[in-house]
Amino acid sequence: MKDRVRAILPRAIRPRRILGGPLRGCWLVTSWHDYPAGLSGRTERALLDWFAKHVQPGETWLDVGAHYGYTAFALGRLVGPAGRVLAFEPVVASAGCVERGRELNRLNQVTVLPFGLGEVEHLKVVRLPVTRGMADSSLLPSSDTGSATISIARFDWLWPLVDGGGGGGGGQIHGVKIDVQGMEVEALTGMRNALARWHPCIVLELHAGVSRERVLSLLESMGYSRDAVPVDPLPDEGIPRFVDDRSYVFRQA
């Protein structure tokens, strides 16, 4: 039923106001077909509530996998003009939508970077399946998917080039939100030096097929605790079970 409804929704991508939720009135450049939950304000409510409680003015946050900018704009409002949000979105068309939304919302503290993050030594160009503005290496070709050429960089190589050491925190990173459709291990590996240096709070969405043990071992090697806290706990969740498509908060051990 959900797919049938989506199929008849307008596909034109243009600036639209979010109709409800914490970002009500905020501009989002997308289509009803691609992102109905974002435009209605129904998506990521637990995550935005968590941001509101923990993100502080003046901080520097990374939004890795920004899509159309929904969470990047939420973070931008919270860090304020003295802070910074660096939004990484590898699909160039979607990154352009984030940039236009940033302008319309007058969020000068948000910087849009059209890169995916991985463990490559140098800049790498790949072609990946894309659906509803998102690149997903796990997708199989279908009538609702296209493809896009994207650039992948290692964060530890890229950061000194884009940081400049100025603004919200003098180069320090306070938090990282990661939603990369199954590329969690690769993105974290490419951020090893930065994460081990600053130990920012990590809000990580885990997806099907990603080894939980690899993620936990990798984070532990960088000084993080395995005792992650679910952003949106399930009713019977006593300890994190790392359910697919849910976000977990990792902090320094």
Protein backbone atom coordinates (compact mmCIF):
# COMPACT_ATOMS: atom_id res chain seq x y z
CA MET A 1 0.00 0.00 0.00
CA LYS A 2 2.80 2.42 0.90
CA ASP A 3 4.52 1.89 -2.46
CA ARG A 4 1.22 2.30 -4.32
CA VAL A 5 0.54 5.63 -2.64
CA ARG A 6 4.08 6.83 -3.29
CA ALA A 7 3.77 5.95 -6.98
CA ILE A 8 1.00 8.51 -7.49
CA LEU A 9 2.59 11.33 -5.49
CA PRO A 10 4.07 14.33 -7.37
CA ARG A 11 7.66 13.78 -8.50
CA ALA A 12 8.57 17.42 -9.19
CA ILE A 13 11.46 18.51 -6.99
CA ARG A 14 11.11 22.11 -5.83
CA PRO A 15 11.20 24.18 -2.62
CA ARG A 16 8.37 23.23 -0.27
CA ARG A 17 7.54 24.09 3.33
CA ILE A 18 7.54 21.31 5.93
CA LEU A 19 3.97 21.04 7.17
CA GLY A 20 4.42 19.75 10.72
CA GLY A 21 6.76 18.55 13.45
CA PRO A 22 9.79 20.31 14.94
CA LEU A 23 10.83 21.71 11.53
CA ARG A 24 7.41 23.05 10.59
CA GLY A 25 7.79 25.98 8.19
CA CYS A 26 11.35 25.07 7.26
CA TRP A 27 12.13 24.87 3.52
CA LEU A 28 12.97 21.48 2.03
CA VAL A 29 13.83 21.09 -1.64
CA THR A 30 12.42 17.69 -2.58
CA SER A 31 9.29 16.02 -3.96
CA TRP A 32 6.30 14.38 -2.33
CA HIS A 33 7.26 11.17 -4.13
CA ASP A 34 10.79 11.13 -2.75
CA TYR A 35 10.25 12.34 0.80
CA PRO A 36 6.62 12.50 1.97
CA ALA A 37 7.55 11.81 5.60
CA GLY A 38 10.00 14.72 5.57
CA LEU A 39 7.55 17.18 4.02
CA SER A 40 4.81 16.18 6.43
CA GLY A 41 7.22 16.38 9.39
CA ARG A 42 6.52 12.82 10.52
CA THR A 43 10.01 11.39 10.09
CA GLU A 44 12.95 11.20 12.52
CA ARG A 45 10.93 12.54 15.45
CA ALA A 46 12.93 10.61 18.07
CA LEU A 47 16.21 11.70 16.48
CA LEU A 48 15.21 15.36 16.37
CA ASP A 49 14.05 15.18 19.99
CA TRP A 50 17.44 13.72 20.91
CA PHE A 51 19.21 16.51 19.02
CA ALA A 52 17.15 19.13 20.86
CA LYS A 53 18.30 17.74 24.22
CA HIS A 54 21.98 17.21 23.44
CA VAL A 55 23.20 19.53 20.66
CA GLN A 56 24.56 22.82 21.99
CA PRO A 57 24.98 26.26 20.40
CA GLY A 58 28.45 26.81 18.95
CA GLU A 59 29.19 23.13 18.36
CA THR A 60 30.46 21.51 15.17
CA TRP A 61 28.45 18.57 13.86
CA LEU A 62 28.82 16.35 10.82
CA ASP A 63 25.75 15.03 9.00
CA VAL A 64 27.06 12.07 7.01
CA GLY A 65 24.37 11.02 4.56
CA ALA A 66 22.37 14.26 4.53
CA HIS A 67 19.84 13.23 1.83
CA TYR A 68 17.65 16.32 1.26
CA GLY A 69 18.90 18.13 4.38
CA TYR A 70 16.19 17.38 6.93
CA THR A 71 18.54 16.52 9.80
CA ALA A 72 21.22 18.98 8.65
CA PHE A 73 18.75 21.85 8.97
CA ALA A 74 17.65 20.63 12.41
CA LEU A 75 21.28 20.57 13.52
CA GLY A 76 21.93 23.96 11.94
CA ARG A 77 19.15 25.56 13.95
CA LEU A 78 20.50 24.07 17.17
CA VAL A 79 24.19 24.96 16.78
CA GLY A 80 23.23 28.48 15.74
CA PRO A 81 25.30 31.08 13.89
CA ALA A 82 28.37 30.42 16.07
CA GLY A 83 28.37 26.70 15.25
CA ARG A 84 28.91 24.62 12.14
CA VAL A 85 27.21 21.74 10.38
CA LEU A 86 29.01 19.97 7.55
CA ALA A 87 26.49 18.03 5.48
CA PHE A 88 27.97 15.22 3.39
CA GLU A 89 25.69 14.03 0.58
CA PRO A 90 27.24 11.99 -2.26
CA VAL A 91 24.36 12.26 -4.77
CA VAL A 92 25.19 15.56 -6.48
CA ALA A 93 21.56 16.33 -7.36
CA SER A 94 20.49 15.81 -3.74
CA ALA A 95 23.45 17.87 -2.48
CA GLY A 96 22.24 20.69 -4.72
CA CYS A 97 18.82 20.45 -3.08
CA VAL A 98 20.44 20.70 0.36
CA GLU A 99 22.39 23.75 -0.76
CA ARG A 100 19.25 25.47 -2.06
CA GLY A 101 17.40 24.60 1.14
CA ARG A 102 20.28 25.98 3.18
CA GLU A 103 19.99 29.27 1.30
CA LEU A 104 16.22 29.50 1.68
CA ASN A 105 16.46 28.77 5.42
CA ARG A 106 19.32 31.26 5.82
CA LEU A 107 21.51 28.71 7.55
CA ASN A 108 24.95 30.09 6.81
CA GLN A 109 26.36 27.75 9.45
CA VAL A 110 25.60 24.75 7.21
CA THR A 111 28.19 23.73 4.60
CA VAL A 112 27.21 21.18 1.94
CA LEU A 113 29.89 18.79 0.68
CA PRO A 114 29.03 16.50 -2.29
CA PHE A 115 31.02 13.50 -1.08
CA GLY A 116 30.40 10.06 0.30
CA LEU A 117 32.75 9.02 3.10
CA GLY A 118 34.70 5.76 2.97
CA GLU A 119 38.06 4.18 3.69
CA VAL A 120 39.66 4.93 0.30
CA GLU A 121 43.17 6.39 0.35
CA HIS A 122 42.43 8.87 -2.41
CA LEU A 123 39.35 10.34 -4.02
CA LYS A 124 37.42 7.56 -5.75
CA VAL A 125 34.60 7.84 -8.27
CA VAL A 126 31.98 5.06 -8.40
CA ARG A 127 28.52 4.57 -9.85
CA LEU A 128 25.83 3.42 -7.43
CA PRO A 129 22.10 2.73 -7.57
CA VAL A 130 19.97 5.66 -6.42
CA THR A 131 16.39 5.69 -5.21
CA ARG A 132 14.44 8.71 -3.95
CA GLY A 133 17.58 10.82 -3.86
CA MET A 134 19.66 8.30 -1.89
CA ALA A 135 22.64 6.21 -3.01
CA ASP A 136 22.48 2.63 -1.77
CA SER A 137 25.08 0.03 -2.71
CA SER A 138 22.78 -2.78 -1.56
CA LEU A 139 20.00 -1.96 -4.02
CA LEU A 140 19.18 -4.15 -7.00
CA PRO A 141 18.08 -2.46 -10.23
CA SER A 142 14.32 -1.94 -10.45
CA SER A 143 11.77 0.31 -12.10
CA ASP A 144 12.11 2.80 -9.22
CA THR A 145 15.90 3.06 -9.14
CA GLY A 146 18.36 4.98 -11.24
CA SER A 147 22.08 5.42 -10.78
CA ALA A 148 24.51 8.24 -10.17
CA THR A 149 28.24 8.84 -10.27
CA ILE A 150 29.43 9.78 -6.81
CA SER A 151 32.76 10.77 -5.28
CA ILE A 152 34.01 8.97 -2.18
CA ALA A 153 36.69 10.42 0.09
CA ARG A 154 38.34 9.42 3.34
CA PHE A 155 37.29 11.90 6.02
CA ASP A 156 40.71 12.04 7.72
CA TRP A 157 42.17 13.19 4.39
CA LEU A 158 39.35 15.57 3.55
CA TRP A 159 38.85 17.26 6.93
CA PRO A 160 42.02 19.42 6.98
CA LEU A 161 41.11 20.68 3.50
CA VAL A 162 37.58 21.81 4.41
CA ASP A 163 37.95 22.70 8.09
CA GLY A 164 40.35 25.61 8.07
CA GLY A 165 40.53 25.44 11.86
CA GLY A 166 37.95 28.18 12.32
CA GLY A 167 34.39 28.58 13.51
CA GLY A 168 32.42 26.62 16.14
CA GLY A 169 35.11 24.94 18.20
CA GLY A 170 38.41 25.77 16.46
CA GLY A 171 38.49 22.57 14.41
CA GLN A 172 37.06 20.28 17.08
CA ILE A 173 34.18 17.98 16.13
CA HIS A 174 31.50 17.62 18.79
CA GLY A 175 29.08 15.22 17.12
CA VAL A 176 28.59 13.01 14.09
CA LYS A 177 25.30 11.72 12.69
CA ILE A 178 25.80 8.83 10.24
CA ASP A 179 23.14 7.30 7.99
CA VAL A 180 24.91 5.78 5.00
CA GLN A 181 22.76 2.87 3.87
CA GLY A 182 25.04 -0.03 4.78
CA MET A 183 28.42 1.71 4.44
CA GLU A 184 28.81 2.24 8.18
CA VAL A 185 32.09 0.35 8.60
CA GLU A 186 33.74 2.08 5.65
CA ALA A 187 32.69 5.56 6.78
CA LEU A 188 33.86 4.98 10.36
CA THR A 189 37.17 3.50 9.22
CA GLY A 190 37.90 6.59 7.14
CA MET A 191 37.24 8.79 10.19
CA ARG A 192 39.49 6.83 12.53
CA ASN A 193 41.99 9.62 13.29
CA ALA A 194 39.37 12.31 13.89
CA LEU A 195 37.21 10.08 16.07
CA ALA A 196 40.17 8.90 18.15
CA ARG A 197 41.36 12.49 18.62
CA TRP A 198 38.13 14.22 19.65
CA HIS A 199 35.79 11.38 20.56
CA PRO A 200 32.70 13.23 19.34
CA CYS A 201 29.30 11.81 20.15
CA ILE A 202 28.29 9.43 17.33
CA VAL A 203 24.66 8.91 16.35
CA LEU A 204 24.79 5.92 14.04
CA GLU A 205 21.94 4.30 12.12
CA LEU A 206 22.61 0.62 11.51
CA HIS A 207 21.33 -1.19 8.44
CA ALA A 208 20.71 -4.76 7.38
CA GLY A 209 23.79 -6.74 6.43
CA VAL A 210 26.23 -4.64 8.47
CA SER A 211 28.28 -6.67 10.97
CA ARG A 212 27.48 -5.37 14.43
CA GLU A 213 30.66 -6.94 15.79
CA ARG A 214 32.80 -5.13 13.21
CA VAL A 215 31.17 -1.82 14.10
CA LEU A 216 31.58 -2.38 17.85
CA SER A 217 35.17 -3.58 17.57
CA LEU A 218 36.10 -0.66 15.35
CA LEU A 219 34.57 1.90 17.70
CA GLU A 220 36.12 0.20 20.73
CA SER A 221 39.56 0.44 19.09
CA MET A 222 39.02 4.22 18.87
CA GLY A 223 38.11 4.56 22.54
CA TYR A 224 34.32 4.24 22.42
CA SER A 225 32.11 2.23 24.73
CA ARG A 226 30.14 -0.73 23.38
CA ASP A 227 27.23 0.29 25.60
CA ALA A 228 25.33 2.25 22.98
CA VAL A 229 22.03 3.92 23.84
CA PRO A 230 19.11 3.62 21.38
CA VAL A 231 17.72 6.96 20.24
CA ASP A 232 14.24 5.46 20.07
CA PRO A 233 14.13 2.44 22.43
CA LEU A 234 11.80 -0.41 21.67
CA PRO A 235 9.29 -1.20 24.45
CA ASP A 236 11.05 -4.41 25.46
CA GLU A 237 14.59 -3.15 24.99
CA GLY A 238 16.63 -3.49 28.16
CA ILE A 239 20.00 -3.28 26.44
CA PRO A 240 20.67 -2.26 22.82
CA ARG A 241 20.02 -5.05 20.35
CA PHE A 242 21.10 -3.06 17.31
CA VAL A 243 17.94 -3.40 15.29
CA ASP A 244 18.07 -2.61 11.57
CA ASP A 245 17.24 0.95 10.52
CA ARG A 246 17.47 2.37 14.02
CA SER A 247 19.92 4.90 15.47
CA TYR A 248 22.23 4.35 18.44
CA VAL A 249 24.38 6.80 20.39
CA PHE A 250 28.02 5.92 21.02
CA ARG A 251 30.21 7.87 23.45
CA GLN A 252 33.78 7.73 24.68
CA ALA A 253 34.49 4.87 27.08
